[in-house]
Amino acid sequence: MFTFETADQKEVRRFRIAQFNGRPATVRSDGSTVTGHVRAVQEVEESVPPRWTITIVPTPPREAMVTPRPASPRVRRFR
């Protein structure tokens, strides 16, 4: 699991929407990119300005699908 803190309210809203809809979210932190499903968005109570702790369960990267080219063209002539 990947956990980080943020004080950006727009970012927190984006993660809450992704969590509610069950969609993956992407985070860029320290030059690395993590994509996965949001597990938790929790507010840190004793902080001024407000901060949130976000937990993401990373998903493995997809392998690029290679589609073989057909041997003959798929163009059909009109008669």
PDB file of N, CA and C in Angstrom:
ATOM      1  N   MET A   1       0.840  -1.175   0.000  1.00  0.00           N
ATOM      2  CA  MET A   1       0.000   0.000   0.000  1.00  0.00           C
ATOM      3  C   MET A   1       0.885   1.239   0.000  1.00  0.00           C
ATOM      4  N   PHE A   2       0.384   2.282  -0.623  1.00  0.00           N
ATOM      5  CA  PHE A   2       1.092   3.543  -0.744  1.00  0.00           C
ATOM      6  C   PHE A   2       0.307   4.593   0.041  1.00  0.00           C
ATOM      7  N   THR A   3       0.958   5.244   1.014  1.00  0.00           N
ATOM      8  CA  THR A   3       0.305   6.234   1.855  1.00  0.00           C
ATOM      9  C   THR A   3       1.045   7.555   1.745  1.00  0.00           C
ATOM     10  N   PHE A   4       0.293   8.643   1.617  1.00  0.00           N
ATOM     11  CA  PHE A   4       0.915   9.960   1.596  1.00  0.00           C
ATOM     12  C   PHE A   4      -0.042  10.986   2.165  1.00  0.00           C
ATOM     13  N   GLU A   5       0.491  12.168   2.496  1.00  0.00           N
ATOM     14  CA  GLU A   5      -0.317  13.253   3.043  1.00  0.00           C
ATOM     15  C   GLU A   5      -0.371  14.399   2.055  1.00  0.00           C
ATOM     16  N   THR A   6      -1.501  15.111   2.053  1.00  0.00           N
ATOM     17  CA  THR A   6      -1.656  16.275   1.204  1.00  0.00           C
ATOM     18  C   THR A   6      -2.521  17.305   1.911  1.00  0.00           C
ATOM     19  N   ALA A   7      -2.343  18.571   1.524  1.00  0.00           N
ATOM     20  CA  ALA A   7      -3.164  19.651   2.050  1.00  0.00           C
ATOM     21  C   ALA A   7      -3.992  20.284   0.938  1.00  0.00           C
ATOM     22  N   ASP A   8      -3.915  19.730  -0.269  1.00  0.00           N
ATOM     23  CA  ASP A   8      -4.625  20.255  -1.418  1.00  0.00           C
ATOM     24  C   ASP A   8      -6.053  19.712  -1.444  1.00  0.00           C
ATOM     25  N   GLN A   9      -7.035  20.599  -1.254  1.00  0.00           N
ATOM     26  CA  GLN A   9      -8.425  20.157  -1.174  1.00  0.00           C
ATOM     27  C   GLN A   9      -8.944  19.633  -2.509  1.00  0.00           C
ATOM     28  N   LYS A  10      -8.463  20.188  -3.624  1.00  0.00           N
ATOM     29  CA  LYS A  10      -8.898  19.701  -4.937  1.00  0.00           C
ATOM     30  C   LYS A  10      -8.422  18.270  -5.163  1.00  0.00           C
ATOM     31  N   GLU A  11      -7.197  17.988  -4.729  1.00  0.00           N
ATOM     32  CA  GLU A  11      -6.656  16.635  -4.872  1.00  0.00           C
ATOM     33  C   GLU A  11      -7.429  15.651  -4.000  1.00  0.00           C
ATOM     34  N   VAL A  12      -7.754  16.058  -2.794  1.00  0.00           N
ATOM     35  CA  VAL A  12      -8.518  15.197  -1.881  1.00  0.00           C
ATOM     36  C   VAL A  12      -9.889  14.903  -2.465  1.00  0.00           C
ATOM     37  N   ARG A  13     -10.532  15.899  -3.047  1.00  0.00           N
ATOM     38  CA  ARG A  13     -11.844  15.695  -3.662  1.00  0.00           C
ATOM     39  C   ARG A  13     -11.751  14.702  -4.815  1.00  0.00           C
ATOM     40  N   ARG A  14     -10.693  14.825  -5.617  1.00  0.00           N
ATOM     41  CA  ARG A  14     -10.496  13.901  -6.746  1.00  0.00           C
ATOM     42  C   ARG A  14     -10.340  12.464  -6.252  1.00  0.00           C
ATOM     43  N   PHE A  15      -9.595  12.276  -5.153  1.00  0.00           N
ATOM     44  CA  PHE A  15      -9.398  10.928  -4.614  1.00  0.00           C
ATOM     45  C   PHE A  15     -10.683  10.379  -3.997  1.00  0.00           C
ATOM     46  N   ARG A  16     -11.468  11.216  -3.351  1.00  0.00           N
ATOM     47  CA  ARG A  16     -12.735  10.744  -2.785  1.00  0.00           C
ATOM     48  C   ARG A  16     -13.704  10.321  -3.872  1.00  0.00           C
ATOM     49  N   ILE A  17     -13.741  11.076  -4.962  1.00  0.00           N
ATOM     50  CA  ILE A  17     -14.612  10.707  -6.084  1.00  0.00           C
ATOM     51  C   ILE A  17     -14.147   9.390  -6.700  1.00  0.00           C
ATOM     52  N   ALA A  18     -12.825   9.218  -6.868  1.00  0.00           N
ATOM     53  CA  ALA A  18     -12.296   7.966  -7.415  1.00  0.00           C
ATOM     54  C   ALA A  18     -12.619   6.794  -6.494  1.00  0.00           C
ATOM     55  N   GLN A  19     -12.533   7.009  -5.186  1.00  0.00           N
ATOM     56  CA  GLN A  19     -12.850   5.945  -4.234  1.00  0.00           C
ATOM     57  C   GLN A  19     -14.329   5.586  -4.314  1.00  0.00           C
ATOM     58  N   PHE A  20     -15.193   6.579  -4.375  1.00  0.00           N
ATOM     59  CA  PHE A  20     -16.630   6.342  -4.425  1.00  0.00           C
ATOM     60  C   PHE A  20     -17.033   5.602  -5.692  1.00  0.00           C
ATOM     61  N   ASN A  21     -16.427   5.971  -6.832  1.00  0.00           N
ATOM     62  CA  ASN A  21     -16.775   5.354  -8.114  1.00  0.00           C
ATOM     63  C   ASN A  21     -16.011   4.068  -8.395  1.00  0.00           C
ATOM     64  N   GLY A  22     -15.041   3.720  -7.560  1.00  0.00           N
ATOM     65  CA  GLY A  22     -14.282   2.492  -7.756  1.00  0.00           C
ATOM     66  C   GLY A  22     -13.298   2.569  -8.909  1.00  0.00           C
ATOM     67  N   ARG A  23     -12.865   3.768  -9.243  1.00  0.00           N
ATOM     68  CA  ARG A  23     -11.926   3.958 -10.346  1.00  0.00           C
ATOM     69  C   ARG A  23     -10.510   4.115  -9.810  1.00  0.00           C
ATOM     70  N   PRO A  24      -9.527   3.732 -10.605  1.00  0.00           N
ATOM     71  CA  PRO A  24      -8.146   3.937 -10.162  1.00  0.00           C
ATOM     72  C   PRO A  24      -7.763   5.416 -10.216  1.00  0.00           C
ATOM     73  N   ALA A  25      -6.846   5.799  -9.344  1.00  0.00           N
ATOM     74  CA  ALA A  25      -6.333   7.163  -9.307  1.00  0.00           C
ATOM     75  C   ALA A  25      -4.821   7.111  -9.465  1.00  0.00           C
ATOM     76  N   THR A  26      -4.246   8.177  -9.997  1.00  0.00           N
ATOM     77  CA  THR A  26      -2.808   8.249 -10.217  1.00  0.00           C
ATOM     78  C   THR A  26      -2.215   9.359  -9.363  1.00  0.00           C
ATOM     79  N   VAL A  27      -1.081   9.043  -8.704  1.00  0.00           N
ATOM     80  CA  VAL A  27      -0.379  10.006  -7.864  1.00  0.00           C
ATOM     81  C   VAL A  27       1.049  10.120  -8.360  1.00  0.00           C
ATOM     82  N   ARG A  28       1.524  11.345  -8.468  1.00  0.00           N
ATOM     83  CA  ARG A  28       2.929  11.578  -8.805  1.00  0.00           C
ATOM     84  C   ARG A  28       3.601  12.150  -7.569  1.00  0.00           C
ATOM     85  N   SER A  29       4.615  11.440  -7.077  1.00  0.00           N
ATOM     86  CA  SER A  29       5.296  11.856  -5.862  1.00  0.00           C
ATOM     87  C   SER A  29       6.778  11.561  -5.974  1.00  0.00           C
ATOM     88  N   ASP A  30       7.610  12.569  -5.795  1.00  0.00           N
ATOM     89  CA  ASP A  30       9.068  12.423  -5.833  1.00  0.00           C
ATOM     90  C   ASP A  30       9.552  11.750  -7.104  1.00  0.00           C
ATOM     91  N   GLY A  31       8.971  12.096  -8.236  1.00  0.00           N
ATOM     92  CA  GLY A  31       9.419  11.541  -9.511  1.00  0.00           C
ATOM     93  C   GLY A  31       8.872  10.172  -9.841  1.00  0.00           C
ATOM     94  N   SER A  32       8.118   9.557  -8.938  1.00  0.00           N
ATOM     95  CA  SER A  32       7.533   8.250  -9.226  1.00  0.00           C
ATOM     96  C   SER A  32       6.025   8.394  -9.383  1.00  0.00           C
ATOM     97  N   THR A  33       5.437   7.506 -10.165  1.00  0.00           N
ATOM     98  CA  THR A  33       4.005   7.525 -10.410  1.00  0.00           C
ATOM     99  C   THR A  33       3.393   6.238  -9.887  1.00  0.00           C
ATOM    100  N   VAL A  34       2.331   6.373  -9.095  1.00  0.00           N
ATOM    101  CA  VAL A  34       1.629   5.223  -8.535  1.00  0.00           C
ATOM    102  C   VAL A  34       0.181   5.294  -8.984  1.00  0.00           C
ATOM    103  N   THR A  35      -0.314   4.211  -9.571  1.00  0.00           N
ATOM    104  CA  THR A  35      -1.709   4.118  -9.985  1.00  0.00           C
ATOM    105  C   THR A  35      -2.350   2.958  -9.240  1.00  0.00           C
ATOM    106  N   GLY A  36      -3.537   3.209  -8.694  1.00  0.00           N
ATOM    107  CA  GLY A  36      -4.236   2.148  -7.982  1.00  0.00           C
ATOM    108  C   GLY A  36      -5.567   2.627  -7.449  1.00  0.00           C
ATOM    109  N   HIS A  37      -6.205   1.770  -6.689  1.00  0.00           N
ATOM    110  CA  HIS A  37      -7.509   2.094  -6.123  1.00  0.00           C
ATOM    111  C   HIS A  37      -7.330   2.746  -4.752  1.00  0.00           C
ATOM    112  N   VAL A  38      -8.127   3.778  -4.503  1.00  0.00           N
ATOM    113  CA  VAL A  38      -8.056   4.505  -3.236  1.00  0.00           C
ATOM    114  C   VAL A  38      -8.741   3.670  -2.166  1.00  0.00           C
ATOM    115  N   ARG A  39      -8.014   3.394  -1.105  1.00  0.00           N
ATOM    116  CA  ARG A  39      -8.565   2.583  -0.023  1.00  0.00           C
ATOM    117  C   ARG A  39      -9.133   3.452   1.092  1.00  0.00           C
ATOM    118  N   ALA A  40      -8.436   4.563   1.424  1.00  0.00           N
ATOM    119  CA  ALA A  40      -8.904   5.404   2.518  1.00  0.00           C
ATOM    120  C   ALA A  40      -8.472   6.850   2.299  1.00  0.00           C
ATOM    121  N   VAL A  41      -9.346   7.776   2.714  1.00  0.00           N
ATOM    122  CA  VAL A  41      -9.041   9.206   2.759  1.00  0.00           C
ATOM    123  C   VAL A  41      -9.423   9.660   4.160  1.00  0.00           C
ATOM    124  N   GLN A  42      -8.409   9.989   4.977  1.00  0.00           N
ATOM    125  CA  GLN A  42      -8.670  10.352   6.371  1.00  0.00           C
ATOM    126  C   GLN A  42      -8.086  11.728   6.656  1.00  0.00           C
ATOM    127  N   GLU A  43      -8.836  12.542   7.391  1.00  0.00           N
ATOM    128  CA  GLU A  43      -8.361  13.869   7.768  1.00  0.00           C
ATOM    129  C   GLU A  43      -7.519  13.767   9.028  1.00  0.00           C
ATOM    130  N   VAL A  44      -6.401  14.485   9.049  1.00  0.00           N
ATOM    131  CA  VAL A  44      -5.568  14.566  10.239  1.00  0.00           C
ATOM    132  C   VAL A  44      -6.188  15.640  11.125  1.00  0.00           C
ATOM    133  N   GLU A  45      -6.658  15.253  12.301  1.00  0.00           N
ATOM    134  CA  GLU A  45      -7.466  16.128  13.152  1.00  0.00           C
ATOM    135  C   GLU A  45      -6.702  17.346  13.690  1.00  0.00           C
ATOM    136  N   GLU A  46      -5.484  17.162  14.166  1.00  0.00           N
ATOM    137  CA  GLU A  46      -4.782  18.232  14.875  1.00  0.00           C
ATOM    138  C   GLU A  46      -3.936  19.098  13.968  1.00  0.00           C
ATOM    139  N   SER A  47      -4.282  19.259  12.722  1.00  0.00           N
ATOM    140  CA  SER A  47      -3.411  20.020  11.825  1.00  0.00           C
ATOM    141  C   SER A  47      -4.063  21.325  11.378  1.00  0.00           C
ATOM    142  N   VAL A  48      -3.242  22.354  11.293  1.00  0.00           N
ATOM    143  CA  VAL A  48      -3.673  23.633  10.753  1.00  0.00           C
ATOM    144  C   VAL A  48      -2.594  24.050   9.773  1.00  0.00           C
ATOM    145  N   PRO A  49      -2.838  24.196   8.516  1.00  0.00           N
ATOM    146  CA  PRO A  49      -4.069  24.004   7.777  1.00  0.00           C
ATOM    147  C   PRO A  49      -4.434  22.523   7.693  1.00  0.00           C
ATOM    148  N   PRO A  50      -5.677  22.214   7.319  1.00  0.00           N
ATOM    149  CA  PRO A  50      -6.102  20.806   7.289  1.00  0.00           C
ATOM    150  C   PRO A  50      -5.273  19.967   6.326  1.00  0.00           C
ATOM    151  N   ARG A  51      -4.981  18.745   6.743  1.00  0.00           N
ATOM    152  CA  ARG A  51      -4.241  17.773   5.928  1.00  0.00           C
ATOM    153  C   ARG A  51      -5.027  16.486   5.900  1.00  0.00           C
ATOM    154  N   TRP A  52      -4.767  15.693   4.859  1.00  0.00           N
ATOM    155  CA  TRP A  52      -5.429  14.403   4.708  1.00  0.00           C
ATOM    156  C   TRP A  52      -4.396  13.343   4.426  1.00  0.00           C
ATOM    157  N   THR A  53      -4.639  12.145   4.958  1.00  0.00           N
ATOM    158  CA  THR A  53      -3.814  10.978   4.677  1.00  0.00           C
ATOM    159  C   THR A  53      -4.577  10.102   3.697  1.00  0.00           C
ATOM    160  N   ILE A  54      -3.940   9.790   2.564  1.00  0.00           N
ATOM    161  CA  ILE A  54      -4.582   9.007   1.511  1.00  0.00           C
ATOM    162  C   ILE A  54      -3.825   7.706   1.345  1.00  0.00           C
ATOM    163  N   THR A  55      -4.556   6.601   1.319  1.00  0.00           N
ATOM    164  CA  THR A  55      -3.971   5.278   1.141  1.00  0.00           C
ATOM    165  C   THR A  55      -4.442   4.711  -0.193  1.00  0.00           C
ATOM    166  N   ILE A  56      -3.472   4.272  -1.010  1.00  0.00           N
ATOM    167  CA  ILE A  56      -3.775   3.717  -2.329  1.00  0.00           C
ATOM    168  C   ILE A  56      -3.189   2.312  -2.415  1.00  0.00           C
ATOM    169  N   VAL A  57      -3.990   1.388  -2.942  1.00  0.00           N
ATOM    170  CA  VAL A  57      -3.523   0.027  -3.212  1.00  0.00           C
ATOM    171  C   VAL A  57      -3.076   0.006  -4.672  1.00  0.00           C
ATOM    172  N   PRO A  58      -1.751  -0.096  -4.921  1.00  0.00           N
ATOM    173  CA  PRO A  58      -1.280  -0.028  -6.308  1.00  0.00           C
ATOM    174  C   PRO A  58      -1.689  -1.244  -7.124  1.00  0.00           C
ATOM    175  N   THR A  59      -1.915  -0.992  -8.397  1.00  0.00           N
ATOM    176  CA  THR A  59      -2.196  -2.073  -9.342  1.00  0.00           C
ATOM    177  C   THR A  59      -0.969  -2.252 -10.225  1.00  0.00           C
ATOM    178  N   PRO A  60      -0.666  -3.491 -10.604  1.00  0.00           N
ATOM    179  CA  PRO A  60       0.508  -3.698 -11.456  1.00  0.00           C
ATOM    180  C   PRO A  60       0.291  -3.058 -12.821  1.00  0.00           C
ATOM    181  N   PRO A  61       1.360  -2.571 -13.451  1.00  0.00           N
ATOM    182  CA  PRO A  61       1.198  -1.954 -14.776  1.00  0.00           C
ATOM    183  C   PRO A  61       0.759  -2.973 -15.809  1.00  0.00           C
ATOM    184  N   ARG A  62      -0.031  -2.513 -16.756  1.00  0.00           N
ATOM    185  CA  ARG A  62      -0.511  -3.392 -17.809  1.00  0.00           C
ATOM    186  C   ARG A  62       0.586  -3.623 -18.832  1.00  0.00           C
ATOM    187  N   GLU A  63       0.579  -4.820 -19.374  1.00  0.00           N
ATOM    188  CA  GLU A  63       1.509  -5.122 -20.451  1.00  0.00           C
ATOM    189  C   GLU A  63       0.913  -4.625 -21.757  1.00  0.00           C
ATOM    190  N   ALA A  64       1.750  -4.090 -22.603  1.00  0.00           N
ATOM    191  CA  ALA A  64       1.266  -3.596 -23.885  1.00  0.00           C
ATOM    192  C   ALA A  64       0.839  -4.777 -24.743  1.00  0.00           C
ATOM    193  N   MET A  65      -0.362  -4.687 -25.302  1.00  0.00           N
ATOM    194  CA  MET A  65      -0.862  -5.762 -26.145  1.00  0.00           C
ATOM    195  C   MET A  65      -0.362  -5.549 -27.562  1.00  0.00           C
ATOM    196  N   VAL A  66       0.204  -6.579 -28.115  1.00  0.00           N
ATOM    197  CA  VAL A  66       0.684  -6.522 -29.486  1.00  0.00           C
ATOM    198  C   VAL A  66      -0.322  -7.257 -30.357  1.00  0.00           C
ATOM    199  N   THR A  67      -0.919  -6.539 -31.276  1.00  0.00           N
ATOM    200  CA  THR A  67      -1.874  -7.168 -32.171  1.00  0.00           C
ATOM    201  C   THR A  67      -1.181  -7.472 -33.490  1.00  0.00           C
ATOM    202  N   PRO A  68      -1.233  -8.715 -33.925  1.00  0.00           N
ATOM    203  CA  PRO A  68      -0.575  -9.051 -35.188  1.00  0.00           C
ATOM    204  C   PRO A  68      -1.342  -8.441 -36.357  1.00  0.00           C
ATOM    205  N   ARG A  69      -0.608  -8.017 -37.359  1.00  0.00           N
ATOM    206  CA  ARG A  69      -1.245  -7.459 -38.548  1.00  0.00           C
ATOM    207  C   ARG A  69      -1.804  -8.591 -39.393  1.00  0.00           C
ATOM    208  N   PRO A  70      -2.963  -8.397 -39.969  1.00  0.00           N
ATOM    209  CA  PRO A  70      -3.525  -9.448 -40.825  1.00  0.00           C
ATOM    210  C   PRO A  70      -2.693  -9.594 -42.095  1.00  0.00           C
ATOM    211  N   ALA A  71      -2.686 -10.799 -42.637  1.00  0.00           N
ATOM    212  CA  ALA A  71      -1.885 -11.084 -43.830  1.00  0.00           C
ATOM    213  C   ALA A  71      -2.451 -10.383 -45.060  1.00  0.00           C
ATOM    214  N   SER A  72      -3.755 -10.259 -45.133  1.00  0.00           N
ATOM    215  CA  SER A  72      -4.366  -9.596 -46.284  1.00  0.00           C
ATOM    216  C   SER A  72      -5.102  -8.348 -45.816  1.00  0.00           C
ATOM    217  N   PRO A  73      -5.208  -7.361 -46.670  1.00  0.00           N
ATOM    218  CA  PRO A  73      -5.928  -6.147 -46.267  1.00  0.00           C
ATOM    219  C   PRO A  73      -7.424  -6.418 -46.111  1.00  0.00           C
ATOM    220  N   ARG A  74      -8.067  -5.633 -45.272  1.00  0.00           N
ATOM    221  CA  ARG A  74      -9.490  -5.834 -44.995  1.00  0.00           C
ATOM    222  C   ARG A  74     -10.365  -4.914 -45.852  1.00  0.00           C
ATOM    223  N   VAL A  75      -9.813  -4.394 -46.910  1.00  0.00           N
ATOM    224  CA  VAL A  75     -10.567  -3.493 -47.760  1.00  0.00           C
ATOM    225  C   VAL A  75     -11.388  -4.324 -48.747  1.00  0.00           C
ATOM    226  N   ARG A  76     -12.655  -4.019 -48.847  1.00  0.00           N
ATOM    227  CA  ARG A  76     -13.520  -4.715 -49.803  1.00  0.00           C
ATOM    228  C   ARG A  76     -13.996  -3.694 -50.836  1.00  0.00           C
ATOM    229  N   ARG A  77     -14.034  -4.121 -52.036  1.00  0.00           N
ATOM    230  CA  ARG A  77     -14.471  -3.246 -53.109  1.00  0.00           C
ATOM    231  C   ARG A  77     -15.971  -3.311 -53.264  1.00  0.00           C
ATOM    232  N   PHE A  78     -16.531  -2.166 -53.616  1.00  0.00           N
ATOM    233  CA  PHE A  78     -17.954  -2.115 -53.898  1.00  0.00           C
ATOM    234  C   PHE A  78     -18.186  -2.539 -55.345  1.00  0.00           C
ATOM    235  N   ARG A  79     -19.234  -3.277 -55.600  1.00  0.00           N
ATOM    236  CA  ARG A  79     -19.518  -3.737 -56.970  1.00  0.00           C
ATOM    237  C   ARG A  79     -20.649  -2.971 -57.574  1.00  0.00           C
TER     238      ARG A  79
END
